[in-house]
Amino acid sequence: MPSTNSTERVLRAVYSAPQPSTQAFEHRLSAPLASSETSPEHTKLKVAYLAELRSLVPKLQNEINVFLTERMEDDKKAAEAQGRQLSEKEAKEEENYGEEVVEEDA
């Protein structure tokens, strides 16, 4: 969410987990956030701010996805090192990762 600090605007997401640690993702916003006035100048500032925010959100999502994929791979390697095998359900989920699977009722 954008920072409330008036001098610096930051789009930030924080991943918290017990192990190994917390990971923060952030992007600084350069466009100023206009006041709630409705003048044309303030509207232009709001549009610029929202456009920058809109362009940064997918970048932030991509960084989070890369991080989580790396974490999943690390978790998988750690489990394999301990001799743990994937359950049938986990193997099926991994095989279909990123795909929409519709389960049919028997």
Protein backbone atom coordinates (compact mmCIF):
# COMPACT_ATOMS: atom_id res chain seq x y z
CA MET A 1 0.00 0.00 0.00
CA PRO A 2 1.27 3.54 -0.54
CA SER A 3 3.11 5.11 2.35
CA THR A 4 1.35 7.87 4.27
CA ASN A 5 4.58 9.85 4.66
CA SER A 6 4.05 13.17 2.86
CA THR A 7 7.64 13.42 1.60
CA GLU A 8 8.04 9.94 0.18
CA ARG A 9 5.50 7.63 -1.45
CA VAL A 10 6.26 3.91 -1.46
CA LEU A 11 4.33 0.94 -2.80
CA ARG A 12 5.25 -1.84 -0.38
CA ALA A 13 4.37 -5.48 0.20
CA VAL A 14 5.80 -7.56 3.04
CA TYR A 15 6.02 -11.35 3.13
CA SER A 16 6.24 -12.66 6.68
CA ALA A 17 7.13 -16.23 7.56
CA PRO A 18 8.69 -17.92 10.57
CA GLN A 19 11.59 -19.21 8.48
CA PRO A 20 13.89 -17.88 7.16
CA SER A 21 12.74 -14.28 7.61
CA THR A 22 10.56 -11.43 6.45
CA GLN A 23 10.97 -10.18 2.89
CA ALA A 24 9.94 -6.67 1.84
CA PHE A 25 9.25 -5.57 -1.71
CA GLU A 26 8.95 -1.90 -2.50
CA HIS A 27 8.97 0.69 -5.24
CA ARG A 28 9.27 4.42 -4.74
CA LEU A 29 6.65 6.60 -6.40
CA SER A 30 7.87 9.83 -7.96
CA ALA A 31 4.48 11.31 -8.84
CA PRO A 32 3.07 13.53 -6.08
CA LEU A 33 -0.29 12.68 -4.58
CA ALA A 34 -2.64 15.61 -5.08
CA SER A 35 -5.02 16.88 -2.47
CA SER A 36 -8.71 16.09 -2.64
CA GLU A 37 -9.47 19.29 -4.53
CA THR A 38 -11.25 18.90 -7.86
CA SER A 39 -9.41 21.52 -9.91
CA PRO A 40 -8.05 20.43 -13.32
CA GLU A 41 -4.45 20.69 -12.05
CA HIS A 42 -5.16 18.40 -9.10
CA THR A 43 -6.97 15.99 -11.40
CA LYS A 44 -3.86 15.80 -13.62
CA LEU A 45 -1.70 15.08 -10.56
CA LYS A 46 -4.08 12.32 -9.43
CA VAL A 47 -4.09 10.77 -12.90
CA ALA A 48 -0.27 10.80 -13.01
CA TYR A 49 -0.05 9.27 -9.53
CA LEU A 50 -2.55 6.52 -10.35
CA ALA A 51 -0.85 5.80 -13.69
CA GLU A 52 2.48 5.34 -11.94
CA LEU A 53 0.87 3.18 -9.28
CA ARG A 54 -0.83 1.08 -11.97
CA SER A 55 2.51 0.53 -13.73
CA LEU A 56 4.30 -0.46 -10.51
CA VAL A 57 1.75 -2.99 -9.21
CA PRO A 58 2.49 -5.64 -11.89
CA LYS A 59 6.24 -5.18 -11.28
CA LEU A 60 5.70 -5.73 -7.58
CA GLN A 61 3.52 -8.78 -8.27
CA ASN A 62 6.22 -10.24 -10.52
CA GLU A 63 8.91 -9.77 -7.86
CA ILE A 64 6.69 -11.48 -5.29
CA ASN A 65 5.94 -14.36 -7.68
CA VAL A 66 9.65 -14.89 -8.38
CA PHE A 67 10.41 -14.84 -4.66
CA LEU A 68 7.62 -17.29 -3.80
CA THR A 69 8.64 -19.64 -6.61
CA GLU A 70 12.20 -19.65 -5.26
CA ARG A 71 10.88 -20.32 -1.76
CA MET A 72 8.77 -23.21 -3.04
CA GLU A 73 11.81 -24.71 -4.78
CA ASP A 74 13.92 -24.31 -1.63
CA ASP A 75 11.19 -25.94 0.46
CA LYS A 76 10.95 -28.80 -2.02
CA LYS A 77 14.73 -29.37 -1.95
CA ALA A 78 14.76 -29.28 1.85
CA ALA A 79 11.92 -31.81 2.00
CA GLU A 80 13.69 -34.10 -0.48
CA ALA A 81 16.92 -33.84 1.54
CA GLN A 82 14.97 -35.08 4.56
CA GLY A 83 13.66 -38.00 2.53
CA ARG A 84 10.12 -36.66 2.27
CA GLN A 85 8.30 -37.42 -0.97
CA LEU A 86 5.43 -35.46 -2.46
CA SER A 87 2.00 -36.83 -1.73
CA GLU A 88 -0.17 -37.75 -4.70
CA LYS A 89 -2.19 -34.56 -4.17
CA GLU A 90 0.94 -32.36 -4.00
CA ALA A 91 2.39 -33.97 -7.13
CA LYS A 92 -0.85 -33.37 -9.01
CA GLU A 93 -0.99 -29.74 -7.83
CA GLU A 94 2.60 -29.18 -8.93
CA GLU A 95 1.93 -30.79 -12.31
CA ASN A 96 -1.04 -28.47 -12.86
CA TYR A 97 0.58 -25.35 -11.38
CA GLY A 98 -0.63 -22.25 -13.20
CA GLU A 99 -3.38 -24.14 -15.00
CA GLU A 100 -7.06 -23.99 -14.25
CA VAL A 101 -8.21 -27.51 -13.47
CA VAL A 102 -11.89 -28.31 -13.23
CA GLU A 103 -12.55 -31.41 -11.14
CA GLU A 104 -15.43 -33.54 -12.32
CA ASP A 105 -17.80 -35.05 -9.77
CA ALA A 106 -18.22 -38.79 -10.15
